Amino acid sequence: MCLASVYLKGGDRQRAVMQDVAWITVEGDGIRITSLFGESILLQAQIQSIDLMKSRVVLTGTVDSTGKVPAEGKD
């Protein structure tokens, strides 16, 4: 089973926000991503691209629902 990896793009950099993403839902002005294991984060972001061949989703945005930049993942 191939689950998606979600990346947040800021400027010319992208960083991994979550791996093994099973659900992506729109909530108000944001995007909620939820992993297969139930971990969830709400980002104030928009979908920039979805590559189904590579199971890769790129979002543009800056903060999560608490106003903080999500924990840094792999670049």
PDB file of N, CA and C in Angstrom:
ATOM      1  N   MET A   1       0.843  -1.175   0.000  1.00  0.00           N
ATOM      2  CA  MET A   1       0.000   0.000   0.000  1.00  0.00           C
ATOM      3  C   MET A   1       0.887   1.237   0.000  1.00  0.00           C
ATOM      4  N   CYS A   2       0.624   2.160  -0.900  1.00  0.00           N
ATOM      5  CA  CYS A   2       1.390   3.404  -0.991  1.00  0.00           C
ATOM      6  C   CYS A   2       0.545   4.544  -0.437  1.00  0.00           C
ATOM      7  N   LEU A   3       0.983   5.091   0.673  1.00  0.00           N
ATOM      8  CA  LEU A   3       0.319   6.250   1.239  1.00  0.00           C
ATOM      9  C   LEU A   3       1.117   7.484   0.875  1.00  0.00           C
ATOM     10  N   ALA A   4       0.487   8.633   0.998  1.00  0.00           N
ATOM     11  CA  ALA A   4       1.110   9.880   0.548  1.00  0.00           C
ATOM     12  C   ALA A   4       2.062  10.461   1.581  1.00  0.00           C
ATOM     13  N   SER A   5       2.989  11.247   1.077  1.00  0.00           N
ATOM     14  CA  SER A   5       3.832  12.112   1.889  1.00  0.00           C
ATOM     15  C   SER A   5       3.407  13.534   1.573  1.00  0.00           C
ATOM     16  N   VAL A   6       3.282  14.362   2.609  1.00  0.00           N
ATOM     17  CA  VAL A   6       2.854  15.749   2.425  1.00  0.00           C
ATOM     18  C   VAL A   6       4.017  16.662   2.760  1.00  0.00           C
ATOM     19  N   TYR A   7       4.247  17.625   1.863  1.00  0.00           N
ATOM     20  CA  TYR A   7       5.325  18.597   1.999  1.00  0.00           C
ATOM     21  C   TYR A   7       4.725  19.986   2.046  1.00  0.00           C
ATOM     22  N   LEU A   8       5.326  20.853   2.839  1.00  0.00           N
ATOM     23  CA  LEU A   8       4.920  22.247   2.921  1.00  0.00           C
ATOM     24  C   LEU A   8       5.987  23.078   2.226  1.00  0.00           C
ATOM     25  N   LYS A   9       5.552  23.876   1.240  1.00  0.00           N
ATOM     26  CA  LYS A   9       6.476  24.694   0.466  1.00  0.00           C
ATOM     27  C   LYS A   9       6.438  26.119   0.989  1.00  0.00           C
ATOM     28  N   GLY A  10       7.616  26.660   1.220  1.00  0.00           N
ATOM     29  CA  GLY A  10       7.769  28.051   1.627  1.00  0.00           C
ATOM     30  C   GLY A  10       8.953  28.626   0.880  1.00  0.00           C
ATOM     31  N   GLY A  11       8.715  29.609   0.040  1.00  0.00           N
ATOM     32  CA  GLY A  11       9.797  30.146  -0.783  1.00  0.00           C
ATOM     33  C   GLY A  11      10.265  29.086  -1.766  1.00  0.00           C
ATOM     34  N   ASP A  12      11.579  28.841  -1.787  1.00  0.00           N
ATOM     35  CA  ASP A  12      12.101  27.839  -2.713  1.00  0.00           C
ATOM     36  C   ASP A  12      12.414  26.520  -2.011  1.00  0.00           C
ATOM     37  N   ARG A  13      11.951  26.367  -0.764  1.00  0.00           N
ATOM     38  CA  ARG A  13      12.209  25.141   0.000  1.00  0.00           C
ATOM     39  C   ARG A  13      10.925  24.364   0.250  1.00  0.00           C
ATOM     40  N   GLN A  14      11.075  23.066   0.341  1.00  0.00           N
ATOM     41  CA  GLN A  14       9.969  22.189   0.724  1.00  0.00           C
ATOM     42  C   GLN A  14      10.452  21.335   1.876  1.00  0.00           C
ATOM     43  N   ARG A  15       9.583  21.119   2.850  1.00  0.00           N
ATOM     44  CA  ARG A  15       9.966  20.205   3.919  1.00  0.00           C
ATOM     45  C   ARG A  15       8.821  19.254   4.209  1.00  0.00           C
ATOM     46  N   ALA A  16       9.176  18.047   4.580  1.00  0.00           N
ATOM     47  CA  ALA A  16       8.180  17.028   4.887  1.00  0.00           C
ATOM     48  C   ALA A  16       7.422  17.422   6.148  1.00  0.00           C
ATOM     49  N   VAL A  17       6.106  17.328   6.074  1.00  0.00           N
ATOM     50  CA  VAL A  17       5.265  17.609   7.226  1.00  0.00           C
ATOM     51  C   VAL A  17       4.767  16.300   7.825  1.00  0.00           C
ATOM     52  N   MET A  18       4.402  15.346   6.966  1.00  0.00           N
ATOM     53  CA  MET A  18       3.882  14.075   7.462  1.00  0.00           C
ATOM     54  C   MET A  18       4.056  12.998   6.404  1.00  0.00           C
ATOM     55  N   GLN A  19       4.387  11.808   6.866  1.00  0.00           N
ATOM     56  CA  GLN A  19       4.495  10.621   6.014  1.00  0.00           C
ATOM     57  C   GLN A  19       3.283   9.723   6.276  1.00  0.00           C
ATOM     58  N   ASP A  20       3.052   8.760   5.424  1.00  0.00           N
ATOM     59  CA  ASP A  20       1.966   7.780   5.595  1.00  0.00           C
ATOM     60  C   ASP A  20       0.602   8.447   5.766  1.00  0.00           C
ATOM     61  N   VAL A  21       0.364   9.492   4.964  1.00  0.00           N
ATOM     62  CA  VAL A  21      -0.903  10.223   5.038  1.00  0.00           C
ATOM     63  C   VAL A  21      -1.985   9.412   4.336  1.00  0.00           C
ATOM     64  N   ALA A  22      -3.070   9.185   5.078  1.00  0.00           N
ATOM     65  CA  ALA A  22      -4.182   8.401   4.553  1.00  0.00           C
ATOM     66  C   ALA A  22      -5.380   9.274   4.179  1.00  0.00           C
ATOM     67  N   TRP A  23      -5.532  10.442   4.845  1.00  0.00           N
ATOM     68  CA  TRP A  23      -6.673  11.317   4.587  1.00  0.00           C
ATOM     69  C   TRP A  23      -6.231  12.764   4.502  1.00  0.00           C
ATOM     70  N   ILE A  24      -6.819  13.482   3.553  1.00  0.00           N
ATOM     71  CA  ILE A  24      -6.642  14.926   3.436  1.00  0.00           C
ATOM     72  C   ILE A  24      -8.038  15.511   3.299  1.00  0.00           C
ATOM     73  N   THR A  25      -8.385  16.424   4.208  1.00  0.00           N
ATOM     74  CA  THR A  25      -9.715  17.028   4.168  1.00  0.00           C
ATOM     75  C   THR A  25      -9.594  18.540   4.285  1.00  0.00           C
ATOM     76  N   VAL A  26     -10.542  19.236   3.689  1.00  0.00           N
ATOM     77  CA  VAL A  26     -10.600  20.693   3.782  1.00  0.00           C
ATOM     78  C   VAL A  26     -11.448  21.045   4.995  1.00  0.00           C
ATOM     79  N   GLU A  27     -10.911  21.918   5.844  1.00  0.00           N
ATOM     80  CA  GLU A  27     -11.645  22.407   7.015  1.00  0.00           C
ATOM     81  C   GLU A  27     -11.537  23.923   7.038  1.00  0.00           C
ATOM     82  N   GLY A  28     -12.615  24.595   6.694  1.00  0.00           N
ATOM     83  CA  GLY A  28     -12.595  26.050   6.655  1.00  0.00           C
ATOM     84  C   GLY A  28     -11.561  26.548   5.668  1.00  0.00           C
ATOM     85  N   ASP A  29     -10.617  27.349   6.157  1.00  0.00           N
ATOM     86  CA  ASP A  29      -9.550  27.897   5.311  1.00  0.00           C
ATOM     87  C   ASP A  29      -8.330  26.996   5.259  1.00  0.00           C
ATOM     88  N   GLY A  30      -8.399  25.859   5.920  1.00  0.00           N
ATOM     89  CA  GLY A  30      -7.213  25.022   6.028  1.00  0.00           C
ATOM     90  C   GLY A  30      -7.376  23.626   5.464  1.00  0.00           C
ATOM     91  N   ILE A  31      -6.303  22.881   5.611  1.00  0.00           N
ATOM     92  CA  ILE A  31      -6.230  21.500   5.143  1.00  0.00           C
ATOM     93  C   ILE A  31      -5.834  20.638   6.339  1.00  0.00           C
ATOM     94  N   ARG A  32      -6.633  19.627   6.655  1.00  0.00           N
ATOM     95  CA  ARG A  32      -6.277  18.685   7.709  1.00  0.00           C
ATOM     96  C   ARG A  32      -5.680  17.449   7.056  1.00  0.00           C
ATOM     97  N   ILE A  33      -4.496  17.072   7.530  1.00  0.00           N
ATOM     98  CA  ILE A  33      -3.870  15.843   7.055  1.00  0.00           C
ATOM     99  C   ILE A  33      -3.811  14.872   8.229  1.00  0.00           C
ATOM    100  N   THR A  34      -4.146  13.616   7.942  1.00  0.00           N
ATOM    101  CA  THR A  34      -4.199  12.588   8.977  1.00  0.00           C
ATOM    102  C   THR A  34      -3.461  11.364   8.488  1.00  0.00           C
ATOM    103  N   SER A  35      -2.594  10.853   9.353  1.00  0.00           N
ATOM    104  CA  SER A  35      -1.814   9.674   8.983  1.00  0.00           C
ATOM    105  C   SER A  35      -2.622   8.406   9.216  1.00  0.00           C
ATOM    106  N   LEU A  36      -2.127   7.328   8.688  1.00  0.00           N
ATOM    107  CA  LEU A  36      -2.733   6.020   8.880  1.00  0.00           C
ATOM    108  C   LEU A  36      -2.817   5.677  10.359  1.00  0.00           C
ATOM    109  N   PHE A  37      -1.931   6.241  11.151  1.00  0.00           N
ATOM    110  CA  PHE A  37      -1.840   5.936  12.578  1.00  0.00           C
ATOM    111  C   PHE A  37      -2.658   6.889  13.440  1.00  0.00           C
ATOM    112  N   GLY A  38      -3.411   7.810  12.814  1.00  0.00           N
ATOM    113  CA  GLY A  38      -4.292   8.712  13.540  1.00  0.00           C
ATOM    114  C   GLY A  38      -3.698  10.055  13.911  1.00  0.00           C
ATOM    115  N   GLU A  39      -2.415  10.277  13.647  1.00  0.00           N
ATOM    116  CA  GLU A  39      -1.806  11.585  13.884  1.00  0.00           C
ATOM    117  C   GLU A  39      -2.443  12.574  12.918  1.00  0.00           C
ATOM    118  N   SER A  40      -2.774  13.762  13.416  1.00  0.00           N
ATOM    119  CA  SER A  40      -3.482  14.735  12.589  1.00  0.00           C
ATOM    120  C   SER A  40      -2.945  16.134  12.849  1.00  0.00           C
ATOM    121  N   ILE A  41      -2.935  16.947  11.784  1.00  0.00           N
ATOM    122  CA  ILE A  41      -2.532  18.347  11.909  1.00  0.00           C
ATOM    123  C   ILE A  41      -3.381  19.173  10.942  1.00  0.00           C
ATOM    124  N   LEU A  42      -3.782  20.347  11.405  1.00  0.00           N
ATOM    125  CA  LEU A  42      -4.543  21.279  10.578  1.00  0.00           C
ATOM    126  C   LEU A  42      -3.605  22.404  10.171  1.00  0.00           C
ATOM    127  N   LEU A  43      -3.423  22.588   8.875  1.00  0.00           N
ATOM    128  CA  LEU A  43      -2.538  23.617   8.339  1.00  0.00           C
ATOM    129  C   LEU A  43      -3.338  24.690   7.636  1.00  0.00           C
ATOM    130  N   GLN A  44      -2.933  25.936   7.815  1.00  0.00           N
ATOM    131  CA  GLN A  44      -3.501  27.034   7.039  1.00  0.00           C
ATOM    132  C   GLN A  44      -2.736  27.041   5.728  1.00  0.00           C
ATOM    133  N   ALA A  45      -3.205  26.246   4.792  1.00  0.00           N
ATOM    134  CA  ALA A  45      -2.462  26.014   3.551  1.00  0.00           C
ATOM    135  C   ALA A  45      -3.428  25.707   2.424  1.00  0.00           C
ATOM    136  N   GLN A  46      -2.884  25.717   1.222  1.00  0.00           N
ATOM    137  CA  GLN A  46      -3.625  25.341   0.024  1.00  0.00           C
ATOM    138  C   GLN A  46      -2.830  24.256  -0.691  1.00  0.00           C
ATOM    139  N   ILE A  47      -3.541  23.439  -1.443  1.00  0.00           N
ATOM    140  CA  ILE A  47      -2.867  22.405  -2.223  1.00  0.00           C
ATOM    141  C   ILE A  47      -2.236  23.056  -3.443  1.00  0.00           C
ATOM    142  N   GLN A  48      -0.937  22.853  -3.614  1.00  0.00           N
ATOM    143  CA  GLN A  48      -0.249  23.337  -4.805  1.00  0.00           C
ATOM    144  C   GLN A  48      -0.241  22.257  -5.868  1.00  0.00           C
ATOM    145  N   SER A  49       0.086  21.022  -5.470  1.00  0.00           N
ATOM    146  CA  SER A  49       0.120  19.938  -6.449  1.00  0.00           C
ATOM    147  C   SER A  49      -0.060  18.591  -5.759  1.00  0.00           C
ATOM    148  N   ILE A  50      -0.546  17.637  -6.542  1.00  0.00           N
ATOM    149  CA  ILE A  50      -0.685  16.252  -6.101  1.00  0.00           C
ATOM    150  C   ILE A  50      -0.093  15.379  -7.194  1.00  0.00           C
ATOM    151  N   ASP A  51       0.911  14.600  -6.844  1.00  0.00           N
ATOM    152  CA  ASP A  51       1.543  13.671  -7.781  1.00  0.00           C
ATOM    153  C   ASP A  51       1.163  12.260  -7.339  1.00  0.00           C
ATOM    154  N   LEU A  52       0.169  11.686  -7.975  1.00  0.00           N
ATOM    155  CA  LEU A  52      -0.310  10.363  -7.586  1.00  0.00           C
ATOM    156  C   LEU A  52       0.685   9.265  -7.930  1.00  0.00           C
ATOM    157  N   MET A  53       1.514   9.485  -8.924  1.00  0.00           N
ATOM    158  CA  MET A  53       2.526   8.490  -9.286  1.00  0.00           C
ATOM    159  C   MET A  53       3.605   8.376  -8.207  1.00  0.00           C
ATOM    160  N   LYS A  54       3.904   9.490  -7.544  1.00  0.00           N
ATOM    161  CA  LYS A  54       4.935   9.496  -6.507  1.00  0.00           C
ATOM    162  C   LYS A  54       4.350   9.546  -5.098  1.00  0.00           C
ATOM    163  N   SER A  55       3.004   9.527  -4.992  1.00  0.00           N
ATOM    164  CA  SER A  55       2.321   9.623  -3.690  1.00  0.00           C
ATOM    165  C   SER A  55       2.814  10.837  -2.906  1.00  0.00           C
ATOM    166  N   ARG A  56       2.835  11.980  -3.586  1.00  0.00           N
ATOM    167  CA  ARG A  56       3.402  13.207  -3.019  1.00  0.00           C
ATOM    168  C   ARG A  56       2.402  14.355  -3.162  1.00  0.00           C
ATOM    169  N   VAL A  57       2.147  15.052  -2.054  1.00  0.00           N
ATOM    170  CA  VAL A  57       1.266  16.206  -2.042  1.00  0.00           C
ATOM    171  C   VAL A  57       2.080  17.401  -1.565  1.00  0.00           C
ATOM    172  N   VAL A  58       2.014  18.507  -2.306  1.00  0.00           N
ATOM    173  CA  VAL A  58       2.730  19.722  -1.928  1.00  0.00           C
ATOM    174  C   VAL A  58       1.693  20.783  -1.580  1.00  0.00           C
ATOM    175  N   LEU A  59       1.836  21.356  -0.383  1.00  0.00           N
ATOM    176  CA  LEU A  59       0.968  22.427   0.087  1.00  0.00           C
ATOM    177  C   LEU A  59       1.763  23.721   0.138  1.00  0.00           C
ATOM    178  N   THR A  60       1.075  24.844  -0.020  1.00  0.00           N
ATOM    179  CA  THR A  60       1.692  26.145   0.236  1.00  0.00           C
ATOM    180  C   THR A  60       0.952  26.763   1.400  1.00  0.00           C
ATOM    181  N   GLY A  61       1.675  27.289   2.323  1.00  0.00           N
ATOM    182  CA  GLY A  61       1.102  27.884   3.520  1.00  0.00           C
ATOM    183  C   GLY A  61       2.190  28.064   4.542  1.00  0.00           C
ATOM    184  N   THR A  62       1.808  28.550   5.720  1.00  0.00           N
ATOM    185  CA  THR A  62       2.853  28.870   6.673  1.00  0.00           C
ATOM    186  C   THR A  62       2.656  28.294   8.066  1.00  0.00           C
ATOM    187  N   VAL A  63       1.437  28.138   8.535  1.00  0.00           N
ATOM    188  CA  VAL A  63       1.253  27.811   9.947  1.00  0.00           C
ATOM    189  C   VAL A  63       0.199  26.734  10.159  1.00  0.00           C
ATOM    190  N   ASP A  64       0.246  26.094  11.334  1.00  0.00           N
ATOM    191  CA  ASP A  64      -0.806  25.163  11.711  1.00  0.00           C
ATOM    192  C   ASP A  64      -1.910  25.927  12.434  1.00  0.00           C
ATOM    193  N   SER A  65      -2.911  25.227  12.939  1.00  0.00           N
ATOM    194  CA  SER A  65      -4.072  25.883  13.537  1.00  0.00           C
ATOM    195  C   SER A  65      -3.744  26.634  14.824  1.00  0.00           C
ATOM    196  N   THR A  66      -2.589  26.380  15.450  1.00  0.00           N
ATOM    197  CA  THR A  66      -2.198  27.086  16.663  1.00  0.00           C
ATOM    198  C   THR A  66      -1.374  28.330  16.355  1.00  0.00           C
ATOM    199  N   GLY A  67      -1.088  28.557  15.067  1.00  0.00           N
ATOM    200  CA  GLY A  67      -0.283  29.699  14.671  1.00  0.00           C
ATOM    201  C   GLY A  67       1.201  29.416  14.639  1.00  0.00           C
ATOM    202  N   LYS A  68       1.571  28.152  14.854  1.00  0.00           N
ATOM    203  CA  LYS A  68       2.981  27.767  14.849  1.00  0.00           C
ATOM    204  C   LYS A  68       3.344  27.095  13.541  1.00  0.00           C
ATOM    205  N   VAL A  69       4.593  27.237  13.151  1.00  0.00           N
ATOM    206  CA  VAL A  69       5.098  26.514  12.010  1.00  0.00           C
ATOM    207  C   VAL A  69       5.192  25.055  12.418  1.00  0.00           C
ATOM    208  N   PRO A  70       4.689  24.108  11.614  1.00  0.00           N
ATOM    209  CA  PRO A  70       4.748  22.698  11.986  1.00  0.00           C
ATOM    210  C   PRO A  70       6.182  22.245  12.245  1.00  0.00           C
ATOM    211  N   ALA A  71       6.318  21.228  13.084  1.00  0.00           N
ATOM    212  CA  ALA A  71       7.637  20.679  13.413  1.00  0.00           C
ATOM    213  C   ALA A  71       8.390  20.337  12.138  1.00  0.00           C
ATOM    214  N   GLU A  72       9.652  20.659  12.134  1.00  0.00           N
ATOM    215  CA  GLU A  72      10.456  20.451  10.922  1.00  0.00           C
ATOM    216  C   GLU A  72      10.653  18.984  10.650  1.00  0.00           C
ATOM    217  N   GLY A  73      10.440  18.613   9.407  1.00  0.00           N
ATOM    218  CA  GLY A  73      10.688  17.253   8.961  1.00  0.00           C
ATOM    219  C   GLY A  73      11.882  17.243   8.057  1.00  0.00           C
ATOM    220  N   LYS A  74      11.954  16.236   7.200  1.00  0.00           N
ATOM    221  CA  LYS A  74      13.054  16.141   6.257  1.00  0.00           C
ATOM    222  C   LYS A  74      12.860  17.149   5.139  1.00  0.00           C
ATOM    223  N   ASP A  75      13.944  17.721   4.688  1.00  0.00           N
ATOM    224  CA  ASP A  75      13.873  18.660   3.550  1.00  0.00           C
ATOM    225  C   ASP A  75      13.827  17.906   2.265  1.00  0.00           C
TER     226      ASP A  75
END
